[in-house]
Amino acid sequence: EVQLVESGGGLVQAGGSLRLSCATSGFTFEDFAIGWVRQAPGKEREGVSCISHGDHRIYYADSVKGRFTVSTDDAKTTMYLQMNSLKPEDTAVYYCGVIVDTVCGESYASDFDYWGQGTQVTVSS
């Protein structure tokens, strides 16, 4: 059974940093695409980052490029999202997810098959 549990969210001032974690079980990282999406109140779900194992690429939304970095631990069971230079517009619930495919499509935000429960990130101005 695929399970994902996010942690690390919180309240931070603009310009600050947070690191989100996604503890996973029930699957092998290399078999699927994994990543992060976020959803702010009243807004559509937005893809933040996606690790595409099939074509060895990592995707980032334009809005977070240069500020966010996705990574995994050596055991390939935990995924991280390091978020630097946070802005109030980064405020959202962040979810990690799994796509039952090895690659991330262009619209990967709507392609995730499994989700965690989400973690709230609030950036104050």
Foldseek 3Di string as FASTA:
>chain_A
DKAWAKDWADEEAAQAKIKMKIFIDDDAPQQWKKAKWWDDPPDDIGGAWIQQNVVRDIDGDPVQPPFWDWDADPVRGMIMIIGGRDDQVVWTWMKMFIANHRGQDPRNRPRGDDIHPTDTHGYHD
